[in-house]
Amino acid sequence: MLQFKEILMQILLRKDQIGIPILKTRLLKIAYLVEVEYFRSFRERISETEWVYYKYGPYVYGYDDVLKENEFFIRMDGIDDDYAVIELKDPYQSCSIKSPEKLIIDRIVKKYGSIGLNQLLDLVYFNTEPMTYVTNVRDVLDFSIILPKQEYSDTSKVIPRDKLSKVRLYVAGRRNHVRQI
């Protein structure tokens, strides 16, 4: 099992595959997708990280503290630290991980690492089972409800199309409300 910090480092070691700066928000959402995909494939968690529903999506309490550790460099790109660029202080360091974990991280980074941030957020918020079924802010996300790989074929089946536009409008309204606070 990997530590949360190791997952973040593995994603950052693949930054060349992404081709764009890895912002704090993008890094967290990619790490979440790694957790989802690993559980979908192996029916077990890749880490013991506790993910919660916070603000609009999945979050890890202590994320900011992990990023302050020696391995990471935070480059502020404005006032809002959600848009800070996260890098490794030593981008050539090696971290040995098992093959299944490596393959999942490679796949997620390659597939989702460079998509637009809004598209990534839509995927995470509306098309992953733990986020779809959580009800209250600060609730712990339940990965056990993730469909097994052989049963999962189309992300549009997670939220019915007739409800998707309403959910998107609601989240957009919540984003604006939180930004004003």
N, C-alpha and C. Protein backbone atom coordinates (compact mmCIF):
# COMPACT_ATOMS: atom_id res chain seq x y z
N MET A 1 0.85 -1.17 0.00
CA MET A 1 0.00 0.00 0.00
C MET A 1 0.90 1.24 0.00
N LEU A 2 0.51 2.22 -0.78
CA LEU A 2 1.29 3.45 -0.87
C LEU A 2 0.80 4.49 0.13
N GLN A 3 1.69 5.38 0.50
CA GLN A 3 1.31 6.55 1.29
C GLN A 3 0.77 7.60 0.31
N PHE A 4 -0.08 8.48 0.79
CA PHE A 4 -0.64 9.54 -0.04
C PHE A 4 0.48 10.34 -0.70
N LYS A 5 1.50 10.67 0.07
CA LYS A 5 2.63 11.44 -0.45
C LYS A 5 3.31 10.73 -1.61
N GLU A 6 3.42 9.40 -1.54
CA GLU A 6 4.04 8.64 -2.62
C GLU A 6 3.21 8.70 -3.90
N ILE A 7 1.90 8.69 -3.77
CA ILE A 7 1.03 8.81 -4.94
C ILE A 7 1.26 10.18 -5.60
N LEU A 8 1.28 11.22 -4.79
CA LEU A 8 1.52 12.57 -5.33
C LEU A 8 2.87 12.64 -6.03
N MET A 9 3.89 12.07 -5.41
CA MET A 9 5.24 12.09 -6.01
C MET A 9 5.26 11.33 -7.33
N GLN A 10 4.59 10.19 -7.37
CA GLN A 10 4.56 9.39 -8.60
C GLN A 10 3.88 10.16 -9.73
N ILE A 11 2.83 10.88 -9.41
CA ILE A 11 2.14 11.69 -10.43
C ILE A 11 3.10 12.78 -10.92
N LEU A 12 3.75 13.46 -10.00
CA LEU A 12 4.66 14.54 -10.38
C LEU A 12 5.87 14.04 -11.15
N LEU A 13 6.31 12.81 -10.89
CA LEU A 13 7.42 12.24 -11.66
C LEU A 13 7.03 12.04 -13.12
N ARG A 14 5.75 12.03 -13.41
CA ARG A 14 5.25 11.83 -14.77
C ARG A 14 4.78 13.15 -15.39
N LYS A 15 5.25 14.26 -14.87
CA LYS A 15 4.78 15.58 -15.35
C LYS A 15 5.06 15.79 -16.83
N ASP A 16 6.09 15.16 -17.37
CA ASP A 16 6.39 15.31 -18.80
C ASP A 16 5.28 14.71 -19.67
N GLN A 17 4.58 13.70 -19.16
CA GLN A 17 3.46 13.11 -19.89
C GLN A 17 2.27 14.07 -19.93
N ILE A 18 2.19 14.93 -18.94
CA ILE A 18 1.05 15.85 -18.85
C ILE A 18 1.27 17.05 -19.75
N GLY A 19 2.48 17.58 -19.77
CA GLY A 19 2.81 18.65 -20.69
C GLY A 19 2.34 20.04 -20.28
N ILE A 20 1.70 20.15 -19.14
CA ILE A 20 1.28 21.45 -18.61
C ILE A 20 1.65 21.49 -17.13
N PRO A 21 1.77 22.68 -16.56
CA PRO A 21 2.08 22.74 -15.13
C PRO A 21 1.00 22.02 -14.32
N ILE A 22 1.41 21.34 -13.28
CA ILE A 22 0.46 20.61 -12.44
C ILE A 22 0.08 21.51 -11.26
N LEU A 23 -1.14 21.98 -11.34
CA LEU A 23 -1.66 22.84 -10.28
C LEU A 23 -2.10 21.99 -9.09
N LYS A 24 -2.17 22.64 -7.95
CA LYS A 24 -2.56 21.96 -6.71
C LYS A 24 -3.88 21.20 -6.86
N THR A 25 -4.87 21.83 -7.45
CA THR A 25 -6.17 21.20 -7.63
C THR A 25 -6.07 20.00 -8.57
N ARG A 26 -5.38 20.14 -9.67
CA ARG A 26 -5.22 19.05 -10.64
C ARG A 26 -4.52 17.85 -9.99
N LEU A 27 -3.48 18.11 -9.23
CA LEU A 27 -2.73 17.03 -8.58
C LEU A 27 -3.63 16.23 -7.65
N LEU A 28 -4.44 16.91 -6.86
CA LEU A 28 -5.33 16.23 -5.93
C LEU A 28 -6.37 15.39 -6.66
N LYS A 29 -6.95 15.95 -7.72
CA LYS A 29 -8.00 15.21 -8.45
C LYS A 29 -7.42 14.02 -9.20
N ILE A 30 -6.20 14.13 -9.72
CA ILE A 30 -5.58 12.98 -10.37
C ILE A 30 -5.29 11.90 -9.34
N ALA A 31 -4.83 12.29 -8.16
CA ALA A 31 -4.59 11.32 -7.09
C ALA A 31 -5.88 10.60 -6.73
N TYR A 32 -6.98 11.33 -6.68
CA TYR A 32 -8.29 10.72 -6.40
C TYR A 32 -8.66 9.71 -7.50
N LEU A 33 -8.45 10.08 -8.75
CA LEU A 33 -8.75 9.15 -9.85
C LEU A 33 -7.87 7.90 -9.79
N VAL A 34 -6.64 8.05 -9.33
CA VAL A 34 -5.77 6.88 -9.13
C VAL A 34 -6.41 5.95 -8.10
N GLU A 35 -6.89 6.52 -7.00
CA GLU A 35 -7.56 5.72 -5.96
C GLU A 35 -8.78 4.99 -6.53
N VAL A 36 -9.59 5.72 -7.30
CA VAL A 36 -10.80 5.13 -7.88
C VAL A 36 -10.44 4.00 -8.84
N GLU A 37 -9.52 4.25 -9.75
CA GLU A 37 -9.16 3.25 -10.75
C GLU A 37 -8.50 2.03 -10.13
N TYR A 38 -7.67 2.23 -9.12
CA TYR A 38 -7.03 1.09 -8.45
C TYR A 38 -8.09 0.21 -7.79
N PHE A 39 -9.04 0.85 -7.10
CA PHE A 39 -10.11 0.08 -6.47
C PHE A 39 -10.96 -0.63 -7.51
N ARG A 40 -11.26 0.06 -8.59
CA ARG A 40 -12.06 -0.53 -9.66
C ARG A 40 -11.37 -1.78 -10.22
N SER A 41 -10.07 -1.73 -10.35
CA SER A 41 -9.31 -2.83 -10.95
C SER A 41 -9.02 -3.98 -9.99
N PHE A 42 -8.71 -3.66 -8.73
CA PHE A 42 -8.23 -4.69 -7.80
C PHE A 42 -9.10 -4.92 -6.58
N ARG A 43 -10.18 -4.15 -6.46
CA ARG A 43 -11.12 -4.27 -5.35
C ARG A 43 -10.46 -4.05 -3.99
N GLU A 44 -9.40 -3.24 -3.99
CA GLU A 44 -8.76 -2.82 -2.75
C GLU A 44 -8.17 -1.43 -2.96
N ARG A 45 -7.93 -0.75 -1.87
CA ARG A 45 -7.41 0.61 -1.95
C ARG A 45 -5.91 0.59 -2.23
N ILE A 46 -5.44 1.62 -2.92
CA ILE A 46 -4.01 1.77 -3.19
C ILE A 46 -3.33 2.42 -1.97
N SER A 47 -4.12 3.10 -1.13
CA SER A 47 -3.59 3.74 0.07
C SER A 47 -4.65 3.71 1.16
N GLU A 48 -4.27 4.14 2.34
CA GLU A 48 -5.23 4.24 3.44
C GLU A 48 -5.71 5.68 3.62
N THR A 49 -5.51 6.48 2.61
CA THR A 49 -5.89 7.89 2.65
C THR A 49 -7.39 8.03 2.84
N GLU A 50 -7.78 8.91 3.76
CA GLU A 50 -9.20 9.17 3.97
C GLU A 50 -9.62 10.36 3.11
N TRP A 51 -10.45 10.07 2.13
CA TRP A 51 -10.98 11.10 1.23
C TRP A 51 -12.34 11.53 1.76
N VAL A 52 -12.58 12.84 1.76
CA VAL A 52 -13.86 13.36 2.22
C VAL A 52 -14.46 14.27 1.15
N TYR A 53 -15.76 14.45 1.25
CA TYR A 53 -16.45 15.41 0.39
C TYR A 53 -16.31 16.76 1.07
N TYR A 54 -15.59 17.68 0.42
CA TYR A 54 -15.30 18.99 1.01
C TYR A 54 -15.40 20.04 -0.07
N LYS A 55 -16.06 21.12 0.24
CA LYS A 55 -16.37 22.18 -0.73
C LYS A 55 -17.14 21.57 -1.88
N TYR A 56 -16.48 21.28 -3.02
CA TYR A 56 -17.23 20.73 -4.16
C TYR A 56 -16.86 19.32 -4.50
N GLY A 57 -15.83 18.78 -3.92
CA GLY A 57 -15.38 17.48 -4.38
C GLY A 57 -14.53 16.74 -3.37
N PRO A 58 -13.82 15.72 -3.86
CA PRO A 58 -12.99 14.90 -2.97
C PRO A 58 -11.79 15.69 -2.46
N TYR A 59 -11.49 15.50 -1.19
CA TYR A 59 -10.40 16.23 -0.56
C TYR A 59 -9.75 15.35 0.50
N VAL A 60 -8.50 15.63 0.79
CA VAL A 60 -7.76 14.92 1.83
C VAL A 60 -7.34 15.96 2.87
N TYR A 61 -7.85 15.81 4.09
CA TYR A 61 -7.38 16.70 5.16
C TYR A 61 -5.89 16.47 5.33
N GLY A 62 -5.14 17.53 5.46
CA GLY A 62 -3.69 17.43 5.58
C GLY A 62 -2.97 17.53 4.26
N TYR A 63 -3.71 17.71 3.17
CA TYR A 63 -3.09 17.83 1.84
C TYR A 63 -2.06 18.95 1.81
N ASP A 64 -2.43 20.10 2.35
CA ASP A 64 -1.51 21.25 2.37
C ASP A 64 -0.25 20.93 3.17
N ASP A 65 -0.41 20.19 4.26
CA ASP A 65 0.74 19.82 5.09
C ASP A 65 1.69 18.88 4.33
N VAL A 66 1.13 17.95 3.59
CA VAL A 66 1.96 17.04 2.79
C VAL A 66 2.77 17.83 1.77
N LEU A 67 2.13 18.80 1.14
CA LEU A 67 2.83 19.61 0.12
C LEU A 67 3.92 20.50 0.71
N LYS A 68 3.88 20.73 2.01
CA LYS A 68 4.93 21.52 2.67
C LYS A 68 6.15 20.68 3.04
N GLU A 69 6.06 19.37 2.82
CA GLU A 69 7.19 18.51 3.14
C GLU A 69 8.33 18.74 2.15
N ASN A 70 9.51 18.28 2.53
CA ASN A 70 10.75 18.55 1.79
C ASN A 70 10.74 18.18 0.32
N GLU A 71 10.00 17.17 -0.06
CA GLU A 71 10.05 16.69 -1.44
C GLU A 71 9.38 17.63 -2.44
N PHE A 72 8.53 18.51 -1.95
CA PHE A 72 7.70 19.31 -2.84
C PHE A 72 8.14 20.78 -2.86
N PHE A 73 7.89 21.40 -4.01
CA PHE A 73 8.12 22.83 -4.18
C PHE A 73 6.81 23.43 -4.66
N ILE A 74 6.34 24.45 -3.97
CA ILE A 74 5.09 25.12 -4.32
C ILE A 74 5.43 26.48 -4.92
N ARG A 75 5.02 26.68 -6.17
CA ARG A 75 5.24 27.95 -6.84
C ARG A 75 3.90 28.66 -6.96
N MET A 76 3.76 29.71 -6.19
CA MET A 76 2.50 30.46 -6.21
C MET A 76 2.34 31.16 -7.55
N ASP A 77 1.14 31.06 -8.10
CA ASP A 77 0.86 31.66 -9.40
C ASP A 77 -0.34 32.60 -9.24
N GLY A 78 -0.22 33.53 -8.32
CA GLY A 78 -1.33 34.43 -8.03
C GLY A 78 -1.67 34.39 -6.55
N ILE A 79 -2.84 34.88 -6.21
CA ILE A 79 -3.27 34.96 -4.81
C ILE A 79 -3.83 33.63 -4.31
N ASP A 80 -4.61 32.95 -5.11
CA ASP A 80 -5.31 31.73 -4.72
C ASP A 80 -4.36 30.54 -4.78
N ASP A 81 -4.12 29.89 -3.62
CA ASP A 81 -3.17 28.78 -3.62
C ASP A 81 -3.70 27.54 -4.32
N ASP A 82 -4.99 27.49 -4.66
CA ASP A 82 -5.50 26.36 -5.45
C ASP A 82 -4.87 26.34 -6.84
N TYR A 83 -4.34 27.49 -7.26
CA TYR A 83 -3.71 27.59 -8.57
C TYR A 83 -2.19 27.59 -8.47
N ALA A 84 -1.67 27.20 -7.32
CA ALA A 84 -0.22 27.09 -7.16
C ALA A 84 0.28 25.90 -7.98
N VAL A 85 1.44 26.06 -8.59
CA VAL A 85 2.06 24.98 -9.35
C VAL A 85 2.86 24.13 -8.37
N ILE A 86 2.66 22.81 -8.43
CA ILE A 86 3.35 21.88 -7.54
C ILE A 86 4.40 21.14 -8.34
N GLU A 87 5.61 21.11 -7.80
CA GLU A 87 6.71 20.40 -8.45
C GLU A 87 7.48 19.62 -7.40
N LEU A 88 8.29 18.68 -7.85
CA LEU A 88 9.21 17.99 -6.95
C LEU A 88 10.51 18.79 -6.89
N LYS A 89 11.08 18.88 -5.70
CA LYS A 89 12.37 19.57 -5.59
C LYS A 89 13.43 18.82 -6.37
N ASP A 90 13.34 17.50 -6.36
CA ASP A 90 14.27 16.67 -7.14
C ASP A 90 13.46 15.87 -8.16
N PRO A 91 13.28 16.39 -9.37
CA PRO A 91 12.44 15.70 -10.37
C PRO A 91 13.07 14.42 -10.91
N TYR A 92 14.30 14.11 -10.50
CA TYR A 92 14.97 12.91 -10.99
C TYR A 92 15.06 11.83 -9.93
N GLN A 93 14.43 12.06 -8.79
CA GLN A 93 14.48 11.05 -7.74
C GLN A 93 13.75 9.80 -8.18
N SER A 94 14.12 8.71 -7.58
CA SER A 94 13.45 7.46 -7.95
C SER A 94 12.68 6.95 -6.74
N CYS A 95 11.50 6.48 -7.00
CA CYS A 95 10.65 5.88 -5.99
C CYS A 95 10.22 4.53 -6.54
N SER A 96 10.59 3.50 -5.86
CA SER A 96 10.25 2.17 -6.32
C SER A 96 8.83 1.81 -5.86
N ILE A 97 7.98 1.47 -6.82
CA ILE A 97 6.64 0.99 -6.49
C ILE A 97 6.35 -0.27 -7.29
N LYS A 98 5.37 -1.03 -6.81
CA LYS A 98 5.02 -2.29 -7.48
C LYS A 98 4.40 -2.02 -8.85
N SER A 99 4.49 -3.02 -9.69
CA SER A 99 4.01 -2.89 -11.06
C SER A 99 2.53 -2.53 -11.18
N PRO A 100 1.60 -3.18 -10.45
CA PRO A 100 0.18 -2.81 -10.62
C PRO A 100 -0.08 -1.35 -10.26
N GLU A 101 0.56 -0.88 -9.20
CA GLU A 101 0.38 0.51 -8.80
C GLU A 101 0.95 1.45 -9.86
N LYS A 102 2.11 1.10 -10.37
CA LYS A 102 2.76 1.90 -11.41
C LYS A 102 1.89 1.98 -12.66
N LEU A 103 1.34 0.85 -13.06
CA LEU A 103 0.50 0.81 -14.26
C LEU A 103 -0.75 1.68 -14.12
N ILE A 104 -1.38 1.63 -12.96
CA ILE A 104 -2.59 2.43 -12.73
C ILE A 104 -2.23 3.92 -12.77
N ILE A 105 -1.16 4.30 -12.09
CA ILE A 105 -0.75 5.71 -12.08
C ILE A 105 -0.40 6.16 -13.49
N ASP A 106 0.35 5.33 -14.22
CA ASP A 106 0.69 5.66 -15.61
C ASP A 106 -0.57 5.88 -16.45
N ARG A 107 -1.52 4.96 -16.31
CA ARG A 107 -2.75 5.03 -17.10
C ARG A 107 -3.55 6.29 -16.79
N ILE A 108 -3.71 6.60 -15.52
CA ILE A 108 -4.51 7.76 -15.13
C ILE A 108 -3.83 9.06 -15.56
N VAL A 109 -2.52 9.15 -15.35
CA VAL A 109 -1.80 10.36 -15.75
C VAL A 109 -1.89 10.55 -17.26
N LYS A 110 -1.70 9.47 -17.99
CA LYS A 110 -1.74 9.56 -19.46
C LYS A 110 -3.15 9.93 -19.95
N LYS A 111 -4.16 9.33 -19.35
CA LYS A 111 -5.54 9.53 -19.82
C LYS A 111 -6.13 10.88 -19.39
N TYR A 112 -5.85 11.31 -18.16
CA TYR A 112 -6.53 12.49 -17.62
C TYR A 112 -5.61 13.65 -17.26
N GLY A 113 -4.31 13.45 -17.29
CA GLY A 113 -3.38 14.47 -16.82
C GLY A 113 -3.45 15.79 -17.53
N SER A 114 -3.72 15.76 -18.83
CA SER A 114 -3.67 17.02 -19.58
C SER A 114 -5.04 17.50 -20.08
N ILE A 115 -6.12 16.86 -19.65
CA ILE A 115 -7.43 17.37 -20.07
C ILE A 115 -7.69 18.69 -19.35
N GLY A 116 -8.58 19.48 -19.89
CA GLY A 116 -8.91 20.77 -19.29
C GLY A 116 -9.36 20.61 -17.85
N LEU A 117 -9.05 21.60 -17.03
CA LEU A 117 -9.37 21.50 -15.60
C LEU A 117 -10.87 21.35 -15.38
N ASN A 118 -11.70 22.10 -16.09
CA ASN A 118 -13.15 21.96 -15.90
C ASN A 118 -13.63 20.57 -16.29
N GLN A 119 -13.06 20.01 -17.35
CA GLN A 119 -13.43 18.66 -17.77
C GLN A 119 -12.99 17.64 -16.71
N LEU A 120 -11.81 17.84 -16.15
CA LEU A 120 -11.32 16.95 -15.08
C LEU A 120 -12.23 17.04 -13.86
N LEU A 121 -12.61 18.25 -13.49
CA LEU A 121 -13.49 18.42 -12.33
C LEU A 121 -14.86 17.79 -12.58
N ASP A 122 -15.40 17.96 -13.77
CA ASP A 122 -16.68 17.32 -14.10
C ASP A 122 -16.57 15.80 -13.97
N LEU A 123 -15.49 15.25 -14.48
CA LEU A 123 -15.28 13.80 -14.40
C LEU A 123 -15.26 13.35 -12.94
N VAL A 124 -14.47 14.04 -12.13
CA VAL A 124 -14.32 13.66 -10.73
C VAL A 124 -15.63 13.85 -9.96
N TYR A 125 -16.29 14.98 -10.14
CA TYR A 125 -17.49 15.29 -9.36
C TYR A 125 -18.72 14.51 -9.78
N PHE A 126 -18.86 14.27 -11.08
CA PHE A 126 -20.11 13.72 -11.58
C PHE A 126 -20.03 12.29 -12.10
N ASN A 127 -18.84 11.75 -12.27
CA ASN A 127 -18.72 10.44 -12.90
C ASN A 127 -17.89 9.45 -12.12
N THR A 128 -17.78 9.66 -10.82
CA THR A 128 -17.14 8.64 -9.97
C THR A 128 -18.12 8.30 -8.86
N GLU A 129 -18.25 7.04 -8.60
CA GLU A 129 -19.27 6.57 -7.66
C GLU A 129 -19.16 7.17 -6.26
N PRO A 130 -17.97 7.26 -5.66
CA PRO A 130 -17.92 7.82 -4.31
C PRO A 130 -18.48 9.24 -4.23
N MET A 131 -18.23 10.05 -5.27
CA MET A 131 -18.76 11.41 -5.27
C MET A 131 -20.24 11.45 -5.61
N THR A 132 -20.69 10.54 -6.42
CA THR A 132 -22.09 10.51 -6.83
C THR A 132 -23.01 10.20 -5.65
N TYR A 133 -22.53 9.35 -4.75
CA TYR A 133 -23.41 8.88 -3.68
C TYR A 133 -23.16 9.54 -2.33
N VAL A 134 -22.21 10.45 -2.23
CA VAL A 134 -22.00 11.15 -0.97
C VAL A 134 -23.08 12.21 -0.82
N THR A 135 -23.50 12.45 0.43
CA THR A 135 -24.60 13.39 0.61
C THR A 135 -24.21 14.65 1.37
N ASN A 136 -23.39 14.53 2.38
CA ASN A 136 -23.09 15.68 3.23
C ASN A 136 -21.63 16.10 3.13
N VAL A 137 -21.42 17.40 3.16
CA VAL A 137 -20.06 17.93 3.19
C VAL A 137 -19.35 17.36 4.42
N ARG A 138 -18.10 16.97 4.24
CA ARG A 138 -17.23 16.38 5.24
C ARG A 138 -17.48 14.89 5.47
N ASP A 139 -18.41 14.28 4.72
CA ASP A 139 -18.59 12.83 4.79
C ASP A 139 -17.39 12.15 4.17
N VAL A 140 -17.01 11.00 4.73
CA VAL A 140 -15.93 10.20 4.17
C VAL A 140 -16.46 9.50 2.92
N LEU A 141 -15.67 9.49 1.86
CA LEU A 141 -16.08 8.85 0.61
C LEU A 141 -15.96 7.33 0.74
N ASP A 142 -16.93 6.65 0.18
CA ASP A 142 -17.00 5.19 0.25
C ASP A 142 -16.54 4.58 -1.08
N PHE A 143 -15.36 4.02 -1.09
CA PHE A 143 -14.82 3.43 -2.31
C PHE A 143 -15.42 2.05 -2.58
N SER A 144 -16.03 1.44 -1.59
CA SER A 144 -16.58 0.09 -1.79
C SER A 144 -17.75 0.07 -2.76
N ILE A 145 -18.33 1.22 -3.07
CA ILE A 145 -19.46 1.26 -4.00
C ILE A 145 -19.01 1.37 -5.45
N ILE A 146 -17.71 1.44 -5.68
CA ILE A 146 -17.19 1.54 -7.05
C ILE A 146 -17.46 0.23 -7.78
N LEU A 147 -17.99 0.36 -8.98
CA LEU A 147 -18.26 -0.83 -9.79
C LEU A 147 -16.95 -1.52 -10.19
N PRO A 148 -16.96 -2.85 -10.20
CA PRO A 148 -15.76 -3.57 -10.68
C PRO A 148 -15.52 -3.24 -12.15
N LYS A 149 -14.28 -3.38 -12.56
CA LYS A 149 -13.88 -3.03 -13.93
C LYS A 149 -14.76 -3.70 -14.98
N GLN A 150 -15.08 -4.97 -14.79
CA GLN A 150 -15.88 -5.70 -15.80
C GLN A 150 -17.33 -5.20 -15.87
N GLU A 151 -17.81 -4.52 -14.84
CA GLU A 151 -19.18 -4.00 -14.85
C GLU A 151 -19.24 -2.53 -15.23
N TYR A 152 -18.10 -1.89 -15.30
CA TYR A 152 -18.03 -0.46 -15.56
C TYR A 152 -17.63 -0.23 -17.00
N SER A 153 -18.52 0.38 -17.76
CA SER A 153 -18.18 0.60 -19.17
C SER A 153 -18.40 2.03 -19.64
N ASP A 154 -19.32 2.72 -19.01
CA ASP A 154 -19.67 4.05 -19.51
C ASP A 154 -19.88 5.00 -18.34
N THR A 155 -19.06 6.04 -18.26
CA THR A 155 -19.18 6.97 -17.14
C THR A 155 -20.50 7.72 -17.15
N SER A 156 -21.16 7.80 -18.28
CA SER A 156 -22.44 8.53 -18.31
C SER A 156 -23.53 7.78 -17.57
N LYS A 157 -23.30 6.51 -17.23
CA LYS A 157 -24.30 5.74 -16.49
C LYS A 157 -24.28 6.06 -15.00
N VAL A 158 -23.25 6.73 -14.52
CA VAL A 158 -23.15 7.02 -13.10
C VAL A 158 -24.20 8.04 -12.68
N ILE A 159 -24.34 9.13 -13.41
CA ILE A 159 -25.39 10.11 -13.15
C ILE A 159 -26.30 10.14 -14.37
N PRO A 160 -27.58 9.91 -14.17
CA PRO A 160 -28.51 9.94 -15.31
C PRO A 160 -28.44 11.28 -16.03
N ARG A 161 -28.50 11.24 -17.36
CA ARG A 161 -28.37 12.45 -18.19
C ARG A 161 -29.38 13.53 -17.80
N ASP A 162 -30.60 13.13 -17.45
CA ASP A 162 -31.61 14.12 -17.12
C ASP A 162 -31.29 14.88 -15.83
N LYS A 163 -30.44 14.31 -14.96
CA LYS A 163 -30.07 14.98 -13.72
C LYS A 163 -28.73 15.70 -13.83
N LEU A 164 -27.93 15.35 -14.82
CA LEU A 164 -26.57 15.88 -14.94
C LEU A 164 -26.55 17.40 -15.07
N SER A 165 -27.40 17.98 -15.91
CA SER A 165 -27.38 19.43 -16.09
C SER A 165 -27.79 20.14 -14.81
N LYS A 166 -28.74 19.60 -14.06
CA LYS A 166 -29.14 20.19 -12.79
C LYS A 166 -27.99 20.15 -11.78
N VAL A 167 -27.31 19.03 -11.74
CA VAL A 167 -26.18 18.89 -10.81
C VAL A 167 -25.06 19.85 -11.18
N ARG A 168 -24.77 19.98 -12.46
CA ARG A 168 -23.73 20.91 -12.91
C ARG A 168 -24.07 22.35 -12.54
N LEU A 169 -25.33 22.74 -12.73
CA LEU A 169 -25.76 24.09 -12.36
C LEU A 169 -25.63 24.32 -10.86
N TYR A 170 -26.01 23.31 -10.09
CA TYR A 170 -25.91 23.41 -8.64
C TYR A 170 -24.45 23.60 -8.21
N VAL A 171 -23.55 22.80 -8.76
CA VAL A 171 -22.13 22.88 -8.40
C VAL A 171 -21.55 24.22 -8.84
N ALA A 172 -21.91 24.68 -10.01
CA ALA A 172 -21.43 25.99 -10.47
C ALA A 172 -21.89 27.08 -9.51
N GLY A 173 -23.12 27.00 -9.06
CA GLY A 173 -23.62 27.97 -8.09
C GLY A 173 -22.87 27.90 -6.77
N ARG A 174 -22.56 26.67 -6.32
CA ARG A 174 -21.80 26.48 -5.08
C ARG A 174 -20.39 27.03 -5.24
N ARG A 175 -19.78 26.83 -6.41
CA ARG A 175 -18.43 27.35 -6.65
C ARG A 175 -18.42 28.87 -6.50
N ASN A 176 -19.38 29.52 -7.14
CA ASN A 176 -19.47 30.99 -7.07
C ASN A 176 -19.72 31.46 -5.63
N HIS A 177 -20.57 30.74 -4.92
CA HIS A 177 -20.87 31.09 -3.53
C HIS A 177 -19.61 30.99 -2.67
N VAL A 178 -18.86 29.90 -2.82
CA VAL A 178 -17.65 29.69 -2.01
C VAL A 178 -16.59 30.72 -2.37
N ARG A 179 -16.46 31.07 -3.62
CA ARG A 179 -15.47 32.07 -4.03
C ARG A 179 -15.76 33.43 -3.40
N GLN A 180 -17.04 33.71 -3.15
CA GLN A 180 -17.40 34.99 -2.54
C GLN A 180 -17.12 35.04 -1.06
N ILE A 181 -17.00 33.89 -0.45
CA ILE A 181 -16.76 33.82 1.01
C ILE A 181 -15.35 34.16 1.35
